Protein backbone atom coordinates (compact mmCIF):
# COMPACT_ATOMS: atom_id res chain seq x y z
CA MET A 1 -29.64 -7.19 6.82
CA ALA A 2 -29.33 -3.64 6.52
CA VAL A 3 -31.91 -2.89 9.03
CA GLN A 4 -30.48 -5.16 11.37
CA LEU A 5 -27.51 -3.88 11.30
CA ILE A 6 -28.46 -0.29 12.12
CA LYS A 7 -30.57 -2.05 15.23
CA GLN A 8 -27.54 -3.15 15.99
CA ALA A 9 -25.32 0.08 15.74
CA ASN A 10 -28.22 2.39 17.86
CA GLY A 11 -27.57 -0.89 20.26
CA LEU A 12 -23.90 0.04 21.04
CA SER A 13 -24.68 3.62 21.35
CA GLU A 14 -24.44 4.29 25.21
CA GLN A 15 -21.41 2.56 24.83
CA LEU A 16 -19.98 4.42 21.78
CA ILE A 17 -20.91 7.50 23.77
CA THR A 18 -19.00 6.86 26.61
CA TRP A 19 -16.13 5.46 24.87
CA ARG A 20 -16.31 9.04 22.92
CA ARG A 21 -16.34 10.73 26.20
CA HIS A 22 -13.36 8.35 27.54
CA PHE A 23 -11.24 9.42 24.96
CA HIS A 24 -12.66 13.45 25.18
CA ARG A 25 -11.78 14.05 28.59
CA HIS A 26 -8.14 11.77 28.54
CA PRO A 27 -6.52 13.58 25.19
CA GLU A 28 -3.17 13.52 24.08
CA LEU A 29 -0.80 14.70 21.77
CA SER A 30 0.89 13.39 18.89
CA PHE A 31 2.95 10.18 19.22
CA GLN A 32 2.23 10.39 23.29
CA GLU A 33 -1.39 8.40 22.67
CA PHE A 34 -0.02 5.94 25.92
CA GLY A 35 -3.27 5.95 27.64
CA THR A 36 -5.71 5.98 24.51
CA ALA A 37 -3.42 2.86 22.92
CA GLN A 38 -3.69 1.70 26.31
CA PHE A 39 -7.63 2.18 26.38
CA VAL A 40 -7.40 0.50 22.93
CA ALA A 41 -5.87 -2.73 22.94
CA GLN A 42 -7.92 -3.93 26.31
CA THR A 43 -11.26 -3.18 24.68
CA LEU A 44 -10.36 -4.99 21.92
CA ARG A 45 -9.07 -8.18 23.72
CA GLY A 46 -12.47 -8.52 24.74
CA MET A 47 -13.99 -9.18 21.94
CA ASP A 48 -14.41 -12.31 20.79
CA GLY A 49 -11.44 -13.40 17.93
CA ILE A 50 -10.05 -9.99 17.29
CA LYS A 51 -5.96 -10.73 17.38
CA THR A 52 -4.04 -7.35 19.33
CA GLU A 53 -1.24 -5.94 18.27
CA THR A 54 0.50 -3.24 19.58
CA GLY A 55 4.24 -0.80 18.33
CA ILE A 56 3.57 -1.61 14.62
CA GLY A 57 5.84 1.68 13.05
CA VAL A 58 4.31 3.45 15.89
CA HIS A 59 5.00 2.92 19.21
CA THR A 60 1.65 4.44 20.28
CA SER A 61 -0.73 2.18 17.53
CA VAL A 62 -3.03 -0.56 18.09
CA ILE A 63 -3.99 -3.08 15.41
CA GLY A 64 -6.78 -5.27 15.51
CA THR A 65 -7.33 -8.02 13.17
CA LEU A 66 -10.22 -10.63 12.31
CA SER A 67 -10.01 -13.52 10.08
CA GLY A 68 -11.98 -16.05 8.72
CA GLY A 69 -10.61 -17.93 6.64
CA GLU A 70 -8.88 -17.16 3.30
CA GLY A 71 -10.78 -13.62 1.63
CA PRO A 72 -10.39 -10.58 0.87
CA LYS A 73 -9.36 -8.10 3.75
CA ILE A 74 -10.40 -4.99 4.14
CA ALA A 75 -8.47 -1.44 6.89
CA ILE A 76 -10.06 0.42 8.15
CA ARG A 77 -8.65 3.00 10.39
CA ALA A 78 -8.97 5.68 12.77
CA ASP A 79 -6.49 8.24 14.47
CA MET A 80 -6.22 9.10 18.33
CA ASP A 81 -4.22 11.98 18.26
CA ALA A 82 -5.61 15.05 20.19
CA LEU A 83 -4.67 18.94 19.89
CA PRO A 84 -2.88 21.08 21.74
CA ILE A 85 -5.76 23.35 22.22
CA GLN A 86 -7.23 24.87 25.45
CA GLU A 87 -10.72 23.47 25.46
CA GLU A 88 -13.60 26.19 25.97
CA ASN A 89 -16.61 24.04 26.27
CA PRO A 90 -18.91 23.56 29.53
CA GLU A 91 -19.31 20.11 29.31
CA ASP A 92 -18.08 17.71 32.35
CA TYR A 93 -16.74 15.19 29.54
CA ARG A 94 -14.05 18.32 28.60
CA SER A 95 -10.47 17.81 28.60
CA GLN A 96 -8.51 16.97 31.81
CA ASN A 97 -5.43 17.29 30.21
CA PRO A 98 -4.43 21.86 30.18
CA GLY A 99 -3.87 22.77 26.72
CA VAL A 100 -4.49 19.55 24.70
CA MET A 101 -7.88 18.61 22.97
CA HIS A 102 -9.88 16.54 20.62
CA ALA A 103 -11.11 19.38 18.67
CA CYS A 104 -11.32 17.27 15.17
CA GLY A 105 -12.86 14.48 16.26
CA HIS A 106 -10.59 11.67 16.57
CA ASP A 107 -11.97 10.82 19.85
CA ALA A 108 -15.50 10.05 18.16
CA HIS A 109 -13.32 8.21 15.46
CA THR A 110 -11.46 5.82 18.21
CA ALA A 111 -14.87 5.46 19.52
CA ILE A 112 -16.90 4.47 16.07
CA LEU A 113 -13.95 1.88 15.13
CA LEU A 114 -14.16 0.20 17.95
CA GLY A 115 -18.11 -0.10 17.67
CA VAL A 116 -17.04 -1.55 13.69
CA ALA A 117 -14.77 -4.45 15.84
CA LYS A 118 -18.02 -4.91 17.95
CA LEU A 119 -20.39 -5.67 15.24
CA LEU A 120 -17.93 -7.46 12.95
CA SER A 121 -16.86 -9.67 15.63
CA GLU A 122 -19.95 -11.03 16.24
CA ARG A 123 -20.60 -11.89 12.52
CA PHE A 124 -17.39 -13.30 12.26
CA LYS A 125 -17.82 -15.52 15.10
CA SER A 126 -20.96 -16.62 14.42
CA GLY A 127 -18.84 -17.61 11.17
CA GLU A 128 -21.27 -14.99 8.39
CA LEU A 129 -17.88 -13.45 6.90
CA ASN A 130 -15.11 -15.01 5.60
CA GLY A 131 -11.67 -13.02 5.29
CA THR A 132 -9.48 -9.87 7.67
CA VAL A 133 -10.61 -7.11 8.41
CA LYS A 134 -7.49 -4.68 9.89
CA PHE A 135 -8.74 -2.45 12.88
CA ILE A 136 -6.14 0.15 12.64
CA PHE A 137 -5.70 2.68 15.01
CA GLN A 138 -3.05 5.44 14.37
CA PRO A 139 -1.51 7.34 16.12
CA ALA A 140 -0.17 11.41 15.21
CA GLU A 141 -2.16 12.31 12.50
CA GLU A 142 -2.12 16.01 13.41
CA SER A 143 1.51 16.43 14.10
CA THR A 144 5.30 15.15 12.85
CA ASP A 145 8.47 14.58 14.33
CA GLU A 146 11.83 14.76 13.82
CA ASN A 147 11.88 13.38 10.26
CA GLY A 148 8.98 15.57 9.27
CA LEU A 149 6.66 12.10 9.09
CA SER A 150 3.02 11.19 11.27
CA GLY A 151 1.79 8.28 11.74
CA ALA A 152 0.85 6.36 8.64
CA PRO A 153 3.94 6.12 7.33
CA TYR A 154 5.61 4.76 9.46
CA MET A 155 2.82 2.43 9.60
CA ILE A 156 2.57 1.59 6.33
CA GLN A 157 6.45 0.85 6.61
CA ALA A 158 6.29 -1.32 9.30
CA GLY A 159 3.14 -3.21 7.31
CA ALA A 160 0.34 -2.13 8.62
CA TYR A 161 -1.28 -2.35 5.14
CA ASP A 162 1.17 -5.18 3.74
CA GLY A 163 -1.77 -7.28 1.86
CA VAL A 164 -4.93 -5.61 2.29
CA ASP A 165 -7.20 -5.14 -1.00
CA ALA A 166 -8.32 -1.99 0.11
CA ALA A 167 -9.20 0.83 3.04
CA ILE A 168 -12.10 2.85 4.48
CA ALA A 169 -12.27 5.43 6.99
CA LEU A 170 -14.06 8.57 8.37
CA HIS A 171 -13.56 12.16 9.74
CA MET A 172 -16.12 14.77 11.75
CA CYS A 173 -18.09 16.97 9.25
CA PRO A 174 -19.00 19.40 11.97
CA TRP A 175 -20.12 22.44 8.32
CA LEU A 176 -23.19 19.46 7.94
CA GLN A 177 -25.90 18.33 10.41
CA VAL A 178 -26.53 14.51 11.57
CA GLY A 179 -28.44 13.21 8.46
CA GLU A 180 -25.73 14.87 5.96
CA VAL A 181 -22.26 12.67 4.56
CA GLN A 182 -19.77 13.96 2.52
CA VAL A 183 -17.82 12.55 -0.30
CA ASN A 184 -15.36 12.32 -3.41
CA ASP A 185 -14.04 10.52 -5.80
CA GLY A 186 -10.77 11.94 -6.29
CA TYR A 187 -8.67 14.23 -5.23
CA SER A 188 -9.91 15.63 -1.72
CA MET A 189 -7.63 17.84 0.62
CA ALA A 190 -4.22 19.09 -0.12
CA ASN A 191 -0.44 18.17 -0.39
CA VAL A 192 1.05 19.73 2.41
CA ASP A 193 4.53 21.26 2.51
CA VAL A 194 6.09 23.47 4.96
CA PHE A 195 8.95 25.63 4.07
CA GLN A 196 11.49 28.19 5.85
CA GLY A 197 13.50 30.61 4.95
CA LYS A 198 15.97 33.39 6.21
CA VAL A 199 16.60 36.66 3.79
CA PHE A 200 20.55 38.05 4.81
CA GLY A 201 21.54 41.36 4.77
CA THR A 202 24.69 43.10 6.62
CA GLY A 203 22.33 44.62 9.04
CA GLY A 204 23.47 48.01 10.77
CA HIS A 205 22.80 51.06 12.30
CA GLY A 206 18.96 51.86 11.99
CA ALA A 207 20.02 55.79 11.52
CA TYR A 208 22.97 54.82 8.68
CA PRO A 209 20.99 52.81 6.96
CA GLU A 210 22.74 53.26 3.30
CA LEU A 211 25.93 51.71 4.93
CA GLY A 212 24.49 48.08 5.14
CA THR A 213 21.61 46.13 3.21
CA ASP A 214 18.71 45.57 5.07
CA PRO A 215 16.72 42.28 4.89
CA VAL A 216 14.02 44.29 6.02
CA TRP A 217 13.41 46.41 3.05
CA MET A 218 14.41 42.99 0.64
CA LEU A 219 11.60 41.05 2.45
CA SER A 220 9.31 43.43 0.37
CA PRO A 221 9.33 41.99 -2.99
CA VAL A 222 9.84 38.34 -1.42
CA LEU A 223 6.73 39.11 -0.28
CA GLN A 224 4.86 40.29 -3.36
CA ALA A 225 6.08 37.60 -5.18
CA ILE A 226 4.58 34.64 -2.66
CA HIS A 227 1.95 36.42 -2.20
CA GLY A 228 1.18 36.44 -6.56
CA ILE A 229 2.04 32.70 -7.10
CA VAL A 230 -1.44 31.23 -6.84
CA SER A 231 -3.13 34.01 -9.06
CA ARG A 232 -0.68 34.75 -11.48
CA LYS A 233 1.34 31.63 -12.13
CA VAL A 234 -1.17 28.44 -10.92
CA SER A 235 -4.48 28.01 -13.82
CA ALA A 236 -7.92 29.40 -11.91
CA LEU A 237 -8.83 25.56 -12.40
CA ASP A 238 -6.21 23.60 -9.98
CA ALA A 239 -6.87 24.20 -6.02
CA ALA A 240 -3.32 25.90 -4.70
CA VAL A 241 -2.37 27.79 -1.30
CA VAL A 242 1.14 29.40 -0.72
CA SER A 243 0.09 31.67 3.02
CA ILE A 244 2.87 33.18 5.18
CA GLY A 245 2.65 32.19 8.91
CA GLN A 246 5.18 33.44 10.99
CA VAL A 247 7.81 37.07 9.74
CA HIS A 248 10.19 37.51 12.36
CA ALA A 249 13.43 40.20 12.05
CA GLY A 250 15.00 42.41 15.05
CA THR A 251 15.84 43.06 18.64
CA ALA A 252 15.37 46.49 18.92
CA SER A 253 13.86 49.62 17.10
CA ASN A 254 17.18 51.17 15.72
CA ILE A 255 19.03 48.23 14.89
CA ILE A 256 18.74 46.93 11.26
CA PRO A 257 18.59 42.93 11.65
CA THR A 258 21.04 40.58 9.78
CA GLU A 259 18.10 38.27 8.58
CA VAL A 260 14.54 37.77 8.83
CA THR A 261 12.96 33.97 9.26
CA LEU A 262 9.49 33.90 7.03
CA GLU A 263 7.62 30.06 7.70
CA GLY A 264 4.49 29.01 5.74
CA THR A 265 2.58 26.55 4.47
CA ILE A 266 2.23 25.58 0.99
CA ARG A 267 -1.30 23.42 -0.44
CA SER A 268 -1.94 21.77 -3.42
CA TYR A 269 -4.10 18.92 -5.16
CA LEU A 270 -2.20 18.28 -7.69
CA PRO A 271 1.92 16.44 -8.32
CA GLU A 272 1.99 19.55 -10.87
CA VAL A 273 0.73 22.11 -9.05
CA ARG A 274 2.96 21.39 -5.63
CA ASP A 275 5.97 20.76 -7.42
CA LEU A 276 4.97 24.03 -9.17
CA LEU A 277 4.44 26.36 -6.22
CA SER A 278 7.36 25.20 -4.32
CA GLU A 279 9.38 25.94 -7.72
CA GLU A 280 8.21 29.12 -7.45
CA VAL A 281 8.86 29.51 -3.84
CA GLU A 282 12.27 29.13 -4.12
CA ARG A 283 12.32 32.18 -6.93
CA ALA A 284 10.29 34.06 -4.84
CA PHE A 285 12.90 34.08 -2.34
CA ALA A 286 16.59 34.75 -4.79
CA LEU A 287 14.86 38.27 -5.97
CA VAL A 288 16.99 39.24 -2.87
CA GLU A 289 20.00 38.19 -4.60
CA GLN A 290 19.81 40.86 -7.41
CA LEU A 291 19.26 43.61 -4.03
CA GLY A 292 22.71 42.21 -2.60
CA GLY A 293 21.45 40.10 -0.33
CA ARG A 294 21.76 36.04 0.36
CA TYR A 295 18.92 33.57 1.18
CA SER A 296 17.80 29.95 2.81
CA LEU A 297 14.67 27.86 1.60
CA GLU A 298 13.62 24.71 3.55
CA ILE A 299 10.63 22.86 1.91
CA GLU A 300 9.63 19.85 3.78
CA ARG A 301 7.29 17.55 1.61
CA GLY A 302 4.57 15.84 4.71
CA GLU A 303 1.73 14.12 3.77
CA PRO A 304 0.04 13.50 0.62
CA ALA A 305 -2.71 14.44 -1.21
CA LEU A 306 -5.92 11.55 0.16
CA ASN A 307 -7.11 10.49 -2.84
CA ASN A 308 -10.40 8.49 -3.21
CA ASP A 309 -10.53 5.89 -5.16
CA SER A 310 -13.71 6.64 -7.36
CA SER A 311 -15.14 2.54 -6.94
CA VAL A 312 -14.06 2.18 -2.82
CA ASN A 313 -16.62 5.32 -2.46
CA GLY A 314 -18.74 4.22 -4.65
CA TRP A 315 -19.66 1.50 -2.42
CA ILE A 316 -19.73 3.79 0.34
CA ARG A 317 -22.20 5.65 -0.93
CA GLU A 318 -24.27 2.71 -1.93
CA THR A 319 -23.88 1.81 1.49
CA ILE A 320 -25.33 4.79 2.49
CA ARG A 321 -28.39 4.71 0.40
CA SER A 322 -29.28 1.68 1.65
CA LEU A 323 -28.95 1.85 5.13
CA TYR A 324 -29.83 5.73 5.20
CA PRO A 325 -32.36 6.56 2.01
CA GLU A 326 -33.65 9.49 3.84
CA PHE A 327 -29.28 11.03 4.21
CA LYS A 328 -28.16 13.60 1.70
CA LEU A 329 -25.28 12.70 -0.06
CA VAL A 330 -22.91 16.09 -0.40
CA GLN A 331 -20.13 15.52 -2.92
CA ARG A 332 -17.56 18.52 -3.85
CA PRO A 333 -13.90 18.45 -1.85
CA PHE A 334 -12.77 17.95 1.64
CA GLY A 335 -11.30 21.58 1.17
CA MET A 336 -7.61 22.20 1.89
CA GLY A 337 -6.90 20.89 4.87
CA GLY A 338 -4.31 18.10 5.00
CA GLU A 339 -4.99 14.41 6.40
CA ASP A 340 -2.18 11.61 6.73
CA PHE A 341 -4.72 9.03 5.59
CA GLY A 342 -4.05 9.99 1.92
CA TYR A 343 -0.08 7.66 2.67
CA VAL A 344 -2.70 5.27 2.75
CA THR A 345 -4.84 6.03 -0.74
CA GLU A 346 -1.34 6.16 -2.41
CA LYS A 347 -0.35 2.49 -1.51
CA LEU A 348 -4.24 0.66 -1.83
CA PRO A 349 -7.89 1.56 -3.09
CA GLY A 350 -9.74 3.19 -0.25
CA ALA A 351 -11.79 6.26 0.69
CA MET A 352 -12.67 8.24 3.23
CA PHE A 353 -16.31 10.45 3.89
CA PHE A 354 -17.18 13.71 5.95
CA LEU A 355 -20.09 12.46 8.31
CA GLY A 356 -22.50 15.39 9.74
CA CYS A 357 -21.47 15.59 13.26
CA GLY A 358 -22.99 19.46 13.44
CA LEU A 359 -25.04 20.29 16.70
CA PRO A 360 -28.68 21.60 15.57
CA ASP A 361 -28.05 25.17 16.53
CA ASP A 362 -26.17 28.34 14.82
CA ILE A 363 -22.78 28.12 17.14
CA ARG A 364 -19.85 27.43 14.87
CA ARG A 365 -17.64 24.31 15.84
CA ASP A 366 -15.22 24.21 13.29
CA LEU A 367 -12.53 22.01 12.84
CA HIS A 368 -9.57 23.12 15.18
CA THR A 369 -10.81 25.38 17.24
CA PRO A 370 -11.99 25.36 21.50
CA ILE A 371 -15.16 25.07 21.31
CA PHE A 372 -14.98 21.88 19.27
CA ASN A 373 -17.87 19.74 19.76
CA LEU A 374 -20.07 17.37 17.75
CA ASP A 375 -23.48 15.90 17.73
CA GLU A 376 -23.01 11.88 19.26
CA ALA A 377 -26.19 10.87 17.67
CA CYS A 378 -23.21 10.52 14.77
CA LEU A 379 -21.48 7.63 16.47
CA PRO A 380 -23.92 4.82 15.45
CA ILE A 381 -24.28 5.96 12.17
CA GLY A 382 -20.63 5.64 11.66
CA CYS A 383 -20.54 2.83 12.80
CA ALA A 384 -22.94 1.29 10.91
CA ILE A 385 -21.94 2.53 7.54
CA LEU A 386 -17.88 0.88 8.07
CA ALA A 387 -19.41 -2.21 9.64
CA GLU A 388 -21.67 -2.90 6.37
CA THR A 389 -19.47 -1.35 3.99
CA ALA A 390 -16.46 -4.05 5.55
CA ARG A 391 -18.61 -6.18 5.42
CA ARG A 392 -20.32 -6.24 1.16
CA PHE A 393 -16.71 -6.33 0.37
CA LEU A 394 -15.92 -9.68 2.27
CA THR A 395 -18.78 -11.35 1.20
CA GLY A 396 -18.22 -10.11 -2.23
CA GLU A 397 -21.06 -8.09 -2.88
CA VAL A 398 -18.78 -5.16 -3.48
CA ARG A 399 -15.32 -6.52 -4.56
CA LEU A 400 -11.78 -5.44 -6.62
CA GLN A 401 -11.31 -8.06 -9.26
CA LYS A 402 -7.86 -8.88 -11.96
CA ASN A 403 -8.05 -7.43 -15.74
CA SER A 404 -5.84 -9.92 -16.67
CA GLU A 405 -4.73 -8.13 -20.16
CA ALA A 406 -3.72 -5.09 -18.76
CA GLY A 407 -3.11 -6.66 -14.25
CA GLU A 408 -4.68 -3.70 -13.77
CA ALA A 409 -7.17 -3.38 -10.97
CA VAL A 410 -11.06 -2.86 -11.91
CA TYR A 411 -13.19 -1.73 -9.14
CA GLU A 412 -16.84 -3.40 -9.29
CA THR A 413 -20.24 -2.62 -7.27
């Protein structure tokens, strides 16, 4: 079975590359994935047995559903949006949309999920599988709207994951090579919060600072306090970051401004650390009151930390070992970046793995950089891992069971 699936996935290689390069040429920003969604929906409608829906939760979302009667239900998710980056790659499939680029691999995610849909549709058509697979093509993973929400919570609220037993996803990983996969149980990517604070003084003439209050001067202890939060308020054993990205003040060299604006990001894994960091940022800004100033502070709570279910992760590990026994499994957290698949893992058992895609040279092509690119040999590999993991769940080779006494889910492989 494993050999057959790998052969089928490899047989899709040229199609996967064609799809991926199409998406790469035509990147679209969050909530603007109109062309991408249309292409995905048309492609799904050309596959046997897939019911295709659009506009679930977000107007540019697409969901394909395969169903073969009663049985387990699993969702496989790919994000579709690009980033506001001007591409610097020389390839002929580089972005044709100035200032917009697939610099995080979502073009590959989308192409891979189309390949998974193709593989599984053939299995359902032959009668091999029962149950349901939902292919979730999600917009707006990279950015939030005026409500501070990305695509995942909107699709969850609209019922995209209702009745689903488990969910899986992958992410491109340029720091690993093809043949390497990174997995991690539990918290694996960060809670993402954003703060905007203002320090207010009276301002005044630069020649007579004694006649007013200076918010730039008051800023100094605030900055020191913020930069000391992680090293002095958080255990060294807990993941945490507080970074300031913007400071704005003033209009001229001889005018003391009336206010200074700071913006930054707060990252963490544990919920209690997330709350502590917000409290400490508030306390840092409150220092200005002792210096005769005032402040305002807004903290926007973004996506929750990606919390990989250890048992679903176990399915993925065993699938990789079965399909590709020679592969290297790297077991460590993915970092302090954000991933709105965390909303999904809050709702139901789920896991994401990072698939090695680094090109075999010495050039660093990190995520979110103008030269990001990937080794397309990873595409059929990702396709095979996702499809086989779903197949095993549908056939009962791995399963979710209920503990009849406690009513708690027990995940078995």
